[in-house]
Amino acid sequence: MNQPEEQIDTIRCFIVDEIIKDPSVEITPDSDLLIGGYLDSVSVVRLVAHLEDQYSVKIPPEDILIENFGSIQSISDYLSTRV
């Protein structure tokens, strides 16, 4: 498994296990996390805090946009520009 795939899997696992808390939920890298109801404003804050800890990055508030956090793939793409 290469780095982006590992990152996508790590992000997906956090969302499924810690936010949704239902391992039976199937989320693909391109699933719409916000419109699909998987994330709300509170869970986005939790996700950002987790990503900052996990990847040792600082995510400024102005970067918390649907373009960067709308799907697992967009989160991974965003992180690749930060790490």
C-alpha atoms as a PDB file:
ATOM      1  CA  MET A   1       0.000   0.000   0.000  1.00  0.00           C
ATOM      2  CA  ASN A   2       1.477   3.336  -0.947  1.00  0.00           C
ATOM      3  CA  GLN A   3       1.417   6.475   1.192  1.00  0.00           C
ATOM      4  CA  PRO A   4      -1.750   8.134  -0.237  1.00  0.00           C
ATOM      5  CA  GLU A   5      -3.696   4.869   0.098  1.00  0.00           C
ATOM      6  CA  GLU A   6      -2.519   4.476   3.701  1.00  0.00           C
ATOM      7  CA  GLN A   7      -3.492   8.064   4.434  1.00  0.00           C
ATOM      8  CA  ILE A   8      -6.933   7.587   2.878  1.00  0.00           C
ATOM      9  CA  ASP A   9      -7.462   4.405   4.898  1.00  0.00           C
ATOM     10  CA  THR A  10      -6.335   6.096   8.127  1.00  0.00           C
ATOM     11  CA  ILE A  11      -8.699   9.030   7.571  1.00  0.00           C
ATOM     12  CA  ARG A  12     -11.580   6.704   6.667  1.00  0.00           C
ATOM     13  CA  CYS A  13     -10.996   4.569   9.764  1.00  0.00           C
ATOM     14  CA  PHE A  14     -11.027   7.627  12.038  1.00  0.00           C
ATOM     15  CA  ILE A  15     -14.270   8.909  10.522  1.00  0.00           C
ATOM     16  CA  VAL A  16     -15.985   5.507  10.671  1.00  0.00           C
ATOM     17  CA  ASP A  17     -14.677   4.433  14.103  1.00  0.00           C
ATOM     18  CA  GLU A  18     -14.523   7.703  16.022  1.00  0.00           C
ATOM     19  CA  ILE A  19     -17.101   9.991  14.431  1.00  0.00           C
ATOM     20  CA  ILE A  20     -19.793   7.795  12.912  1.00  0.00           C
ATOM     21  CA  LYS A  21     -19.071   4.934  15.349  1.00  0.00           C
ATOM     22  CA  ASP A  22     -20.467   2.348  12.974  1.00  0.00           C
ATOM     23  CA  PRO A  23     -17.911   0.063  11.293  1.00  0.00           C
ATOM     24  CA  SER A  24     -20.565  -1.238   8.899  1.00  0.00           C
ATOM     25  CA  VAL A  25     -20.796   2.167   7.162  1.00  0.00           C
ATOM     26  CA  GLU A  26     -19.173   2.065   3.735  1.00  0.00           C
ATOM     27  CA  ILE A  27     -17.487   5.319   2.795  1.00  0.00           C
ATOM     28  CA  THR A  28     -15.420   5.539  -0.365  1.00  0.00           C
ATOM     29  CA  PRO A  29     -12.638   8.084  -0.868  1.00  0.00           C
ATOM     30  CA  ASP A  30     -15.047  10.119  -3.024  1.00  0.00           C
ATOM     31  CA  SER A  31     -18.131   9.933  -0.758  1.00  0.00           C
ATOM     32  CA  ASP A  32     -19.488  13.391   0.042  1.00  0.00           C
ATOM     33  CA  LEU A  33     -18.887  13.642   3.783  1.00  0.00           C
ATOM     34  CA  LEU A  34     -20.869  16.817   4.433  1.00  0.00           C
ATOM     35  CA  ILE A  35     -23.852  16.467   2.122  1.00  0.00           C
ATOM     36  CA  GLY A  36     -23.966  12.742   2.891  1.00  0.00           C
ATOM     37  CA  GLY A  37     -24.421  13.596   6.559  1.00  0.00           C
ATOM     38  CA  TYR A  38     -21.265  11.811   7.731  1.00  0.00           C
ATOM     39  CA  LEU A  39     -19.727  15.003   9.156  1.00  0.00           C
ATOM     40  CA  ASP A  40     -21.221  18.040  10.854  1.00  0.00           C
ATOM     41  CA  SER A  41     -19.495  21.144  12.194  1.00  0.00           C
ATOM     42  CA  VAL A  42     -18.524  19.519  15.496  1.00  0.00           C
ATOM     43  CA  SER A  43     -17.137  16.401  13.828  1.00  0.00           C
ATOM     44  CA  VAL A  44     -15.149  18.534  11.376  1.00  0.00           C
ATOM     45  CA  VAL A  45     -13.461  20.196  14.367  1.00  0.00           C
ATOM     46  CA  ARG A  46     -12.693  16.750  15.833  1.00  0.00           C
ATOM     47  CA  LEU A  47     -11.357  15.567  12.467  1.00  0.00           C
ATOM     48  CA  VAL A  48      -9.137  18.642  12.053  1.00  0.00           C
ATOM     49  CA  ALA A  49      -7.707  18.161  15.564  1.00  0.00           C
ATOM     50  CA  HIS A  50      -7.025  14.502  14.779  1.00  0.00           C
ATOM     51  CA  LEU A  51      -5.326  15.331  11.467  1.00  0.00           C
ATOM     52  CA  GLU A  52      -3.155  17.976  13.123  1.00  0.00           C
ATOM     53  CA  ASP A  53      -2.037  15.433  15.736  1.00  0.00           C
ATOM     54  CA  GLN A  54      -1.688  12.502  13.335  1.00  0.00           C
ATOM     55  CA  TYR A  55       0.284  14.361  10.657  1.00  0.00           C
ATOM     56  CA  SER A  56       1.985  17.075  12.756  1.00  0.00           C
ATOM     57  CA  VAL A  57       0.484  19.890  10.692  1.00  0.00           C
ATOM     58  CA  LYS A  58      -1.341  23.096  11.526  1.00  0.00           C
ATOM     59  CA  ILE A  59      -4.581  23.544   9.599  1.00  0.00           C
ATOM     60  CA  PRO A  60      -5.595  27.207   9.618  1.00  0.00           C
ATOM     61  CA  PRO A  61      -9.316  28.010   9.931  1.00  0.00           C
ATOM     62  CA  GLU A  62      -9.367  29.582   6.467  1.00  0.00           C
ATOM     63  CA  ASP A  63      -8.408  26.192   4.966  1.00  0.00           C
ATOM     64  CA  ILE A  64     -11.412  24.407   6.479  1.00  0.00           C
ATOM     65  CA  LEU A  65     -13.468  24.566   3.299  1.00  0.00           C
ATOM     66  CA  ILE A  66     -15.728  22.105   1.522  1.00  0.00           C
ATOM     67  CA  GLU A  67     -13.100  21.964  -1.238  1.00  0.00           C
ATOM     68  CA  ASN A  68     -10.586  20.592   1.288  1.00  0.00           C
ATOM     69  CA  PHE A  69     -12.878  18.571   3.564  1.00  0.00           C
ATOM     70  CA  GLY A  70     -15.739  17.438   1.338  1.00  0.00           C
ATOM     71  CA  SER A  71     -14.415  13.898   0.851  1.00  0.00           C
ATOM     72  CA  ILE A  72     -11.676  11.660   2.146  1.00  0.00           C
ATOM     73  CA  GLN A  73      -9.861  12.089  -1.163  1.00  0.00           C
ATOM     74  CA  SER A  74      -9.996  15.899  -0.908  1.00  0.00           C
ATOM     75  CA  ILE A  75      -8.712  15.706   2.685  1.00  0.00           C
ATOM     76  CA  SER A  76      -5.819  13.508   1.583  1.00  0.00           C
ATOM     77  CA  ASP A  77      -5.061  15.814  -1.354  1.00  0.00           C
ATOM     78  CA  TYR A  78      -5.095  18.821   0.978  1.00  0.00           C
ATOM     79  CA  LEU A  79      -2.812  17.101   3.478  1.00  0.00           C
ATOM     80  CA  SER A  80      -0.327  16.280   0.722  1.00  0.00           C
ATOM     81  CA  THR A  81       0.158  20.031   0.270  1.00  0.00           C
ATOM     82  CA  ARG A  82       0.740  20.518   4.029  1.00  0.00           C
ATOM     83  CA  VAL A  83       3.145  17.710   4.960  1.00  0.00           C
END
